[in-house]
């Protein structure tokens, strides 16, 4: 039988402190009904090393969306914009199976936000093994790229994911070593339409930032691309990075940044 453990992290004096007794009751009910061990950890109990380990575990959850406390839709996420632990806005619940982290609340999956309380209620009613959403290859690639931009080029820094501009949403927005914006469109199979999308998003961002369009870098990260599409992209200054493993559920090797 698999062994589960639930750990609730919180910060004393936070705006959600009044909700902690109810969350604790839900944890107790889950223990009684499903026999699941649990503990509650205050932020002041964490050492710098244990906090760093927690952050690395959260960042390793694929494809958990991260990178901002509040998205454009107002969804709170477990990690702050600089990838530090955030317990000011929300408690964090970790679900471990046989000592391996398997899930976290709050989370946003397929545009559905689920709070810690809602997650606990689901587990109480349905059991710990919740039905998981099916992610597209682009969702998986975006999560990995935001967490580790070096997989496509060294020296890149993440600005955000699904960044809203007038023309739509930029999949991943980065800055390179020269501090230039890099607009990234993720497609398992790049097409002519992908080229148009990148150009529109880049032009919209350039106007918002009051910068010349040609001062921003443009890139398509894909698993496959037709040679004619690749040639067309190159002719309008769009860089191509082919990285098939980035789009797989379980990558088995690291792609070269220039592959």
C-alpha atoms as a PDB file:
ATOM      1  CA  UNK A   1       0.000   0.000   0.000  1.00  0.00           C
ATOM      2  CA  UNK A   2       1.362   3.457  -0.869  1.00  0.00           C
ATOM      3  CA  UNK A   3       2.082   5.741   2.063  1.00  0.00           C
ATOM      4  CA  UNK A   4       0.782   9.315   1.789  1.00  0.00           C
ATOM      5  CA  UNK A   5       1.622  12.380   3.800  1.00  0.00           C
ATOM      6  CA  UNK A   6       0.084  15.857   3.724  1.00  0.00           C
ATOM      7  CA  UNK A   7       2.082  18.869   4.897  1.00  0.00           C
ATOM      8  CA  UNK A   8       0.502  22.286   5.319  1.00  0.00           C
ATOM      9  CA  UNK A   9       2.850  25.278   5.356  1.00  0.00           C
ATOM     10  CA  UNK A  10       1.633  28.663   6.578  1.00  0.00           C
ATOM     11  CA  UNK A  11       2.829  32.017   7.904  1.00  0.00           C
ATOM     12  CA  UNK A  12       1.582  33.318  11.270  1.00  0.00           C
ATOM     13  CA  UNK A  13      -0.227  36.641  11.109  1.00  0.00           C
ATOM     14  CA  UNK A  14      -1.055  36.344   7.428  1.00  0.00           C
ATOM     15  CA  UNK A  15      -4.366  37.425   5.959  1.00  0.00           C
ATOM     16  CA  UNK A  16      -5.600  33.835   5.777  1.00  0.00           C
ATOM     17  CA  UNK A  17      -4.808  32.956   9.426  1.00  0.00           C
ATOM     18  CA  UNK A  18      -8.494  32.811  10.308  1.00  0.00           C
ATOM     19  CA  UNK A  19      -8.920  29.943   7.808  1.00  0.00           C
ATOM     20  CA  UNK A  20      -6.206  27.760   9.379  1.00  0.00           C
ATOM     21  CA  UNK A  21      -8.447  26.101  12.033  1.00  0.00           C
ATOM     22  CA  UNK A  22     -10.812  24.897   9.296  1.00  0.00           C
ATOM     23  CA  UNK A  23      -7.898  23.605   7.214  1.00  0.00           C
ATOM     24  CA  UNK A  24      -6.584  21.751  10.273  1.00  0.00           C
ATOM     25  CA  UNK A  25     -10.011  20.161  10.814  1.00  0.00           C
ATOM     26  CA  UNK A  26     -10.040  18.975   7.193  1.00  0.00           C
ATOM     27  CA  UNK A  27      -6.584  17.435   7.655  1.00  0.00           C
ATOM     28  CA  UNK A  28      -7.804  15.619  10.781  1.00  0.00           C
ATOM     29  CA  UNK A  29     -10.883  14.351   8.911  1.00  0.00           C
ATOM     30  CA  UNK A  30      -8.720  13.052   6.054  1.00  0.00           C
ATOM     31  CA  UNK A  31      -6.502  11.249   8.568  1.00  0.00           C
ATOM     32  CA  UNK A  32      -9.538   9.575  10.157  1.00  0.00           C
ATOM     33  CA  UNK A  33     -11.242   8.655   6.868  1.00  0.00           C
ATOM     34  CA  UNK A  34      -8.246   7.740   4.718  1.00  0.00           C
ATOM     35  CA  UNK A  35      -5.506   7.014   7.261  1.00  0.00           C
ATOM     36  CA  UNK A  36      -3.187   9.684   5.878  1.00  0.00           C
ATOM     37  CA  UNK A  37      -0.435  11.162   8.038  1.00  0.00           C
ATOM     38  CA  UNK A  38      -0.226  14.942   8.154  1.00  0.00           C
ATOM     39  CA  UNK A  39       1.594  17.838   9.792  1.00  0.00           C
ATOM     40  CA  UNK A  40       1.307  21.629   9.933  1.00  0.00           C
ATOM     41  CA  UNK A  41       4.501  23.687   9.603  1.00  0.00           C
ATOM     42  CA  UNK A  42       4.833  27.383  10.393  1.00  0.00           C
ATOM     43  CA  UNK A  43       7.189  29.475   8.264  1.00  0.00           C
ATOM     44  CA  UNK A  44       9.223  30.393  11.347  1.00  0.00           C
ATOM     45  CA  UNK A  45      10.006  26.683  11.814  1.00  0.00           C
ATOM     46  CA  UNK A  46      11.786  26.509   8.456  1.00  0.00           C
ATOM     47  CA  UNK A  47      15.538  26.847   8.218  1.00  0.00           C
ATOM     48  CA  UNK A  48      17.043  28.475   5.134  1.00  0.00           C
ATOM     49  CA  UNK A  49      18.095  25.010   3.951  1.00  0.00           C
ATOM     50  CA  UNK A  50      14.668  23.423   4.431  1.00  0.00           C
ATOM     51  CA  UNK A  51      13.002  26.376   2.686  1.00  0.00           C
ATOM     52  CA  UNK A  52      15.403  26.062  -0.248  1.00  0.00           C
ATOM     53  CA  UNK A  53      14.684  22.330  -0.445  1.00  0.00           C
ATOM     54  CA  UNK A  54      10.938  23.014  -0.424  1.00  0.00           C
ATOM     55  CA  UNK A  55      11.256  25.546  -3.251  1.00  0.00           C
ATOM     56  CA  UNK A  56      13.298  23.113  -5.352  1.00  0.00           C
ATOM     57  CA  UNK A  57      10.669  20.414  -4.816  1.00  0.00           C
ATOM     58  CA  UNK A  58       7.896  22.768  -5.925  1.00  0.00           C
ATOM     59  CA  UNK A  59       9.855  23.860  -8.986  1.00  0.00           C
ATOM     60  CA  UNK A  60      10.381  20.222  -9.903  1.00  0.00           C
ATOM     61  CA  UNK A  61       6.659  19.505 -10.140  1.00  0.00           C
ATOM     62  CA  UNK A  62       5.836  19.219 -13.856  1.00  0.00           C
ATOM     63  CA  UNK A  63       3.818  20.850 -15.206  1.00  0.00           C
ATOM     64  CA  UNK A  64       2.796  22.851 -12.165  1.00  0.00           C
ATOM     65  CA  UNK A  65       2.376  26.459 -13.283  1.00  0.00           C
ATOM     66  CA  UNK A  66       4.491  28.956 -11.412  1.00  0.00           C
ATOM     67  CA  UNK A  67       6.290  32.258 -11.707  1.00  0.00           C
ATOM     68  CA  UNK A  68       3.782  34.757 -10.295  1.00  0.00           C
ATOM     69  CA  UNK A  69       1.790  35.160  -7.106  1.00  0.00           C
ATOM     70  CA  UNK A  70      -1.210  36.448  -9.003  1.00  0.00           C
ATOM     71  CA  UNK A  71      -1.820  35.874 -12.685  1.00  0.00           C
ATOM     72  CA  UNK A  72      -3.761  38.245 -14.926  1.00  0.00           C
ATOM     73  CA  UNK A  73      -6.854  36.294 -13.866  1.00  0.00           C
ATOM     74  CA  UNK A  74      -6.129  36.788 -10.189  1.00  0.00           C
ATOM     75  CA  UNK A  75      -5.058  33.211  -9.458  1.00  0.00           C
ATOM     76  CA  UNK A  76      -2.612  32.838  -6.567  1.00  0.00           C
ATOM     77  CA  UNK A  77       0.275  30.465  -7.193  1.00  0.00           C
ATOM     78  CA  UNK A  78       2.697  28.811  -4.745  1.00  0.00           C
ATOM     79  CA  UNK A  79       5.872  30.624  -5.866  1.00  0.00           C
ATOM     80  CA  UNK A  80       6.594  34.310  -6.160  1.00  0.00           C
ATOM     81  CA  UNK A  81       7.899  36.064  -9.272  1.00  0.00           C
ATOM     82  CA  UNK A  82      11.527  35.687  -8.168  1.00  0.00           C
ATOM     83  CA  UNK A  83      10.931  31.977  -7.516  1.00  0.00           C
ATOM     84  CA  UNK A  84      11.042  32.364  -3.718  1.00  0.00           C
ATOM     85  CA  UNK A  85       8.591  30.694  -1.391  1.00  0.00           C
ATOM     86  CA  UNK A  86       5.426  32.709  -0.916  1.00  0.00           C
ATOM     87  CA  UNK A  87       3.404  32.159   2.244  1.00  0.00           C
ATOM     88  CA  UNK A  88       2.152  35.726   2.662  1.00  0.00           C
ATOM     89  CA  UNK A  89      -0.781  35.342   0.261  1.00  0.00           C
ATOM     90  CA  UNK A  90      -1.609  31.663   0.563  1.00  0.00           C
ATOM     91  CA  UNK A  91      -0.869  28.550   2.627  1.00  0.00           C
ATOM     92  CA  UNK A  92       0.761  25.716   0.688  1.00  0.00           C
ATOM     93  CA  UNK A  93      -0.225  22.055   0.913  1.00  0.00           C
ATOM     94  CA  UNK A  94       2.163  19.351  -0.276  1.00  0.00           C
ATOM     95  CA  UNK A  95       1.016  15.822  -1.104  1.00  0.00           C
ATOM     96  CA  UNK A  96       3.702  13.144  -0.881  1.00  0.00           C
ATOM     97  CA  UNK A  97       3.422   9.521  -1.936  1.00  0.00           C
ATOM     98  CA  UNK A  98       6.090   7.160  -0.606  1.00  0.00           C
ATOM     99  CA  UNK A  99       8.181  10.236   0.343  1.00  0.00           C
ATOM    100  CA  UNK A 100       8.011  11.699  -3.177  1.00  0.00           C
ATOM    101  CA  UNK A 101       6.224  14.986  -3.854  1.00  0.00           C
ATOM    102  CA  UNK A 102       3.328  14.329  -6.226  1.00  0.00           C
ATOM    103  CA  UNK A 103       1.057  17.361  -5.987  1.00  0.00           C
ATOM    104  CA  UNK A 104       0.595  20.807  -4.467  1.00  0.00           C
ATOM    105  CA  UNK A 105      -2.240  23.175  -3.610  1.00  0.00           C
ATOM    106  CA  UNK A 106      -3.079  25.871  -4.509  1.00  0.00           C
ATOM    107  CA  UNK A 107      -2.672  25.111  -8.171  1.00  0.00           C
ATOM    108  CA  UNK A 108      -4.045  26.179 -11.505  1.00  0.00           C
ATOM    109  CA  UNK A 109      -4.550  23.389 -13.995  1.00  0.00           C
ATOM    110  CA  UNK A 110      -6.255  23.832 -17.348  1.00  0.00           C
ATOM    111  CA  UNK A 111      -7.227  27.363 -16.249  1.00  0.00           C
ATOM    112  CA  UNK A 112      -8.968  26.063 -13.129  1.00  0.00           C
ATOM    113  CA  UNK A 113      -7.735  27.451  -9.821  1.00  0.00           C
ATOM    114  CA  UNK A 114      -8.009  25.130  -6.811  1.00  0.00           C
ATOM    115  CA  UNK A 115      -7.283  26.510  -3.335  1.00  0.00           C
ATOM    116  CA  UNK A 116      -5.840  24.549  -0.431  1.00  0.00           C
ATOM    117  CA  UNK A 117      -9.273  24.272   1.178  1.00  0.00           C
ATOM    118  CA  UNK A 118     -10.898  23.072  -2.037  1.00  0.00           C
ATOM    119  CA  UNK A 119      -8.121  20.528  -2.516  1.00  0.00           C
ATOM    120  CA  UNK A 120      -8.587  19.163   0.989  1.00  0.00           C
ATOM    121  CA  UNK A 121     -12.338  18.839   0.477  1.00  0.00           C
ATOM    122  CA  UNK A 122     -11.746  16.952  -2.792  1.00  0.00           C
ATOM    123  CA  UNK A 123      -9.334  14.557  -1.068  1.00  0.00           C
ATOM    124  CA  UNK A 124     -11.731  14.040   1.837  1.00  0.00           C
ATOM    125  CA  UNK A 125     -14.568  13.149  -0.533  1.00  0.00           C
ATOM    126  CA  UNK A 126     -12.670  11.355  -3.319  1.00  0.00           C
ATOM    127  CA  UNK A 127      -9.511  10.025  -1.678  1.00  0.00           C
ATOM    128  CA  UNK A 128      -5.930  11.169  -2.030  1.00  0.00           C
ATOM    129  CA  UNK A 129      -5.486   9.951  -5.614  1.00  0.00           C
ATOM    130  CA  UNK A 130      -7.300  12.800  -7.323  1.00  0.00           C
ATOM    131  CA  UNK A 131      -8.074  12.701 -11.005  1.00  0.00           C
ATOM    132  CA  UNK A 132      -5.337  14.717 -12.698  1.00  0.00           C
ATOM    133  CA  UNK A 133      -5.792  17.001 -15.643  1.00  0.00           C
ATOM    134  CA  UNK A 134      -4.342  16.070 -19.019  1.00  0.00           C
ATOM    135  CA  UNK A 135      -1.744  18.594 -20.133  1.00  0.00           C
ATOM    136  CA  UNK A 136      -0.898  19.542 -23.659  1.00  0.00           C
ATOM    137  CA  UNK A 137       2.728  19.198 -24.825  1.00  0.00           C
ATOM    138  CA  UNK A 138       2.872  23.009 -24.946  1.00  0.00           C
ATOM    139  CA  UNK A 139       1.790  23.243 -21.278  1.00  0.00           C
ATOM    140  CA  UNK A 140       4.558  20.860 -20.285  1.00  0.00           C
ATOM    141  CA  UNK A 141       7.183  22.681 -22.366  1.00  0.00           C
ATOM    142  CA  UNK A 142       6.140  26.079 -20.992  1.00  0.00           C
ATOM    143  CA  UNK A 143       6.418  24.917 -17.396  1.00  0.00           C
ATOM    144  CA  UNK A 144       9.896  23.490 -17.984  1.00  0.00           C
ATOM    145  CA  UNK A 145      11.114  26.527 -19.879  1.00  0.00           C
ATOM    146  CA  UNK A 146       9.937  29.022 -17.259  1.00  0.00           C
ATOM    147  CA  UNK A 147      11.670  26.992 -14.566  1.00  0.00           C
ATOM    148  CA  UNK A 148      14.904  26.486 -16.483  1.00  0.00           C
ATOM    149  CA  UNK A 149      15.429  28.801 -19.502  1.00  0.00           C
ATOM    150  CA  UNK A 150      18.998  27.510 -19.883  1.00  0.00           C
ATOM    151  CA  UNK A 151      17.605  24.479 -21.733  1.00  0.00           C
ATOM    152  CA  UNK A 152      17.421  26.642 -24.866  1.00  0.00           C
ATOM    153  CA  UNK A 153      20.206  29.154 -24.200  1.00  0.00           C
ATOM    154  CA  UNK A 154      22.550  29.976 -21.354  1.00  0.00           C
ATOM    155  CA  UNK A 155      22.098  33.250 -19.546  1.00  0.00           C
ATOM    156  CA  UNK A 156      18.357  33.632 -20.104  1.00  0.00           C
ATOM    157  CA  UNK A 157      16.118  34.944 -17.313  1.00  0.00           C
ATOM    158  CA  UNK A 158      12.390  34.349 -17.070  1.00  0.00           C
ATOM    159  CA  UNK A 159      10.135  37.415 -17.124  1.00  0.00           C
ATOM    160  CA  UNK A 160       6.849  35.517 -17.137  1.00  0.00           C
ATOM    161  CA  UNK A 161       4.546  33.014 -18.803  1.00  0.00           C
ATOM    162  CA  UNK A 162       1.342  33.687 -20.704  1.00  0.00           C
ATOM    163  CA  UNK A 163       2.215  37.381 -20.647  1.00  0.00           C
ATOM    164  CA  UNK A 164      -0.721  39.462 -21.878  1.00  0.00           C
ATOM    165  CA  UNK A 165      -0.183  42.048 -24.609  1.00  0.00           C
ATOM    166  CA  UNK A 166      -2.745  43.701 -26.857  1.00  0.00           C
ATOM    167  CA  UNK A 167      -2.304  41.054 -29.580  1.00  0.00           C
ATOM    168  CA  UNK A 168      -2.740  38.090 -27.240  1.00  0.00           C
ATOM    169  CA  UNK A 169      -0.588  36.106 -24.808  1.00  0.00           C
ATOM    170  CA  UNK A 170       3.142  35.471 -25.117  1.00  0.00           C
ATOM    171  CA  UNK A 171       3.841  31.851 -24.152  1.00  0.00           C
ATOM    172  CA  UNK A 172       7.125  32.676 -22.404  1.00  0.00           C
ATOM    173  CA  UNK A 173       8.825  36.051 -22.124  1.00  0.00           C
ATOM    174  CA  UNK A 174      12.537  36.038 -21.316  1.00  0.00           C
ATOM    175  CA  UNK A 175      15.492  38.419 -21.206  1.00  0.00           C
ATOM    176  CA  UNK A 176      18.843  37.383 -22.642  1.00  0.00           C
ATOM    177  CA  UNK A 177      22.352  38.124 -21.410  1.00  0.00           C
ATOM    178  CA  UNK A 178      22.251  41.529 -23.121  1.00  0.00           C
ATOM    179  CA  UNK A 179      18.945  42.330 -21.331  1.00  0.00           C
ATOM    180  CA  UNK A 180      16.958  42.145 -24.574  1.00  0.00           C
ATOM    181  CA  UNK A 181      13.420  40.814 -24.530  1.00  0.00           C
ATOM    182  CA  UNK A 182      13.033  37.360 -26.057  1.00  0.00           C
ATOM    183  CA  UNK A 183       9.514  36.421 -27.152  1.00  0.00           C
ATOM    184  CA  UNK A 184       9.074  32.636 -27.245  1.00  0.00           C
ATOM    185  CA  UNK A 185       6.218  30.788 -28.937  1.00  0.00           C
ATOM    186  CA  UNK A 186       5.945  27.088 -28.047  1.00  0.00           C
ATOM    187  CA  UNK A 187       4.566  24.651 -30.599  1.00  0.00           C
ATOM    188  CA  UNK A 188       4.994  20.917 -30.828  1.00  0.00           C
ATOM    189  CA  UNK A 189       4.756  21.356 -34.609  1.00  0.00           C
ATOM    190  CA  UNK A 190       5.524  24.846 -35.924  1.00  0.00           C
ATOM    191  CA  UNK A 191       3.548  26.068 -38.959  1.00  0.00           C
ATOM    192  CA  UNK A 192       3.167  29.206 -41.047  1.00  0.00           C
ATOM    193  CA  UNK A 193       0.558  30.393 -38.537  1.00  0.00           C
ATOM    194  CA  UNK A 194       3.170  30.181 -35.770  1.00  0.00           C
ATOM    195  CA  UNK A 195       5.333  32.697 -37.611  1.00  0.00           C
ATOM    196  CA  UNK A 196       2.475  35.163 -37.824  1.00  0.00           C
ATOM    197  CA  UNK A 197       1.686  34.711 -34.144  1.00  0.00           C
ATOM    198  CA  UNK A 198       5.265  35.458 -33.091  1.00  0.00           C
ATOM    199  CA  UNK A 199       5.421  38.569 -35.270  1.00  0.00           C
ATOM    200  CA  UNK A 200       2.119  39.910 -33.933  1.00  0.00           C
ATOM    201  CA  UNK A 201       3.011  39.321 -30.292  1.00  0.00           C
ATOM    202  CA  UNK A 202       6.492  40.813 -30.670  1.00  0.00           C
ATOM    203  CA  UNK A 203       5.163  43.942 -32.403  1.00  0.00           C
ATOM    204  CA  UNK A 204       2.549  44.359 -29.668  1.00  0.00           C
ATOM    205  CA  UNK A 205       5.132  44.020 -26.898  1.00  0.00           C
ATOM    206  CA  UNK A 206       7.483  46.448 -28.666  1.00  0.00           C
ATOM    207  CA  UNK A 207       4.738  49.061 -28.833  1.00  0.00           C
ATOM    208  CA  UNK A 208       3.862  48.552 -25.179  1.00  0.00           C
ATOM    209  CA  UNK A 209       7.499  48.913 -24.151  1.00  0.00           C
ATOM    210  CA  UNK A 210       8.111  51.782 -26.600  1.00  0.00           C
ATOM    211  CA  UNK A 211      10.965  49.887 -28.267  1.00  0.00           C
ATOM    212  CA  UNK A 212      11.721  49.207 -31.949  1.00  0.00           C
ATOM    213  CA  UNK A 213      10.429  45.774 -32.985  1.00  0.00           C
ATOM    214  CA  UNK A 214      13.816  44.780 -34.349  1.00  0.00           C
ATOM    215  CA  UNK A 215      15.383  45.341 -30.905  1.00  0.00           C
ATOM    216  CA  UNK A 216      13.395  42.392 -29.512  1.00  0.00           C
ATOM    217  CA  UNK A 217      14.395  38.807 -30.167  1.00  0.00           C
ATOM    218  CA  UNK A 218      11.830  36.338 -31.508  1.00  0.00           C
ATOM    219  CA  UNK A 219      11.993  32.560 -31.152  1.00  0.00           C
ATOM    220  CA  UNK A 220       9.943  29.453 -31.905  1.00  0.00           C
ATOM    221  CA  UNK A 221      10.691  26.484 -29.675  1.00  0.00           C
ATOM    222  CA  UNK A 222       9.276  23.326 -31.198  1.00  0.00           C
ATOM    223  CA  UNK A 223       9.589  19.575 -31.519  1.00  0.00           C
ATOM    224  CA  UNK A 224       9.113  19.563 -35.303  1.00  0.00           C
ATOM    225  CA  UNK A 225       9.219  22.120 -38.098  1.00  0.00           C
ATOM    226  CA  UNK A 226       9.026  21.823 -41.873  1.00  0.00           C
ATOM    227  CA  UNK A 227      12.180  23.056 -43.628  1.00  0.00           C
ATOM    228  CA  UNK A 228      10.162  25.565 -45.673  1.00  0.00           C
ATOM    229  CA  UNK A 229       8.568  26.986 -42.509  1.00  0.00           C
ATOM    230  CA  UNK A 230      11.994  27.193 -40.867  1.00  0.00           C
ATOM    231  CA  UNK A 231      13.358  29.100 -43.859  1.00  0.00           C
ATOM    232  CA  UNK A 232      10.423  31.515 -43.777  1.00  0.00           C
ATOM    233  CA  UNK A 233      10.913  32.107 -40.050  1.00  0.00           C
ATOM    234  CA  UNK A 234      14.603  32.802 -40.530  1.00  0.00           C
ATOM    235  CA  UNK A 235      13.850  35.346 -43.273  1.00  0.00           C
ATOM    236  CA  UNK A 236      11.912  37.516 -40.786  1.00  0.00           C
ATOM    237  CA  UNK A 237      14.402  37.196 -37.942  1.00  0.00           C
ATOM    238  CA  UNK A 238      12.720  34.436 -35.953  1.00  0.00           C
ATOM    239  CA  UNK A 239      15.140  32.033 -34.290  1.00  0.00           C
ATOM    240  CA  UNK A 240      14.328  28.329 -34.131  1.00  0.00           C
ATOM    241  CA  UNK A 241      15.148  25.909 -31.319  1.00  0.00           C
ATOM    242  CA  UNK A 242      14.192  22.288 -31.916  1.00  0.00           C
ATOM    243  CA  UNK A 243      13.856  20.469 -28.605  1.00  0.00           C
ATOM    244  CA  UNK A 244      11.562  17.415 -28.844  1.00  0.00           C
ATOM    245  CA  UNK A 245      12.220  16.251 -25.266  1.00  0.00           C
ATOM    246  CA  UNK A 246      10.956  19.545 -23.861  1.00  0.00           C
ATOM    247  CA  UNK A 247       7.436  18.570 -24.972  1.00  0.00           C
ATOM    248  CA  UNK A 248       7.475  15.023 -23.596  1.00  0.00           C
ATOM    249  CA  UNK A 249       5.832  13.962 -20.349  1.00  0.00           C
ATOM    250  CA  UNK A 250       9.072  12.368 -19.186  1.00  0.00           C
ATOM    251  CA  UNK A 251      12.157  13.689 -21.009  1.00  0.00           C
ATOM    252  CA  UNK A 252      14.996  11.192 -21.109  1.00  0.00           C
ATOM    253  CA  UNK A 253      17.811  13.489 -22.109  1.00  0.00           C
ATOM    254  CA  UNK A 254      18.869  17.104 -22.090  1.00  0.00           C
ATOM    255  CA  UNK A 255      18.731  18.853 -25.422  1.00  0.00           C
ATOM    256  CA  UNK A 256      21.637  20.936 -26.593  1.00  0.00           C
ATOM    257  CA  UNK A 257      20.654  24.649 -26.560  1.00  0.00           C
ATOM    258  CA  UNK A 258      21.577  24.878 -30.243  1.00  0.00           C
ATOM    259  CA  UNK A 259      20.069  21.604 -31.414  1.00  0.00           C
END
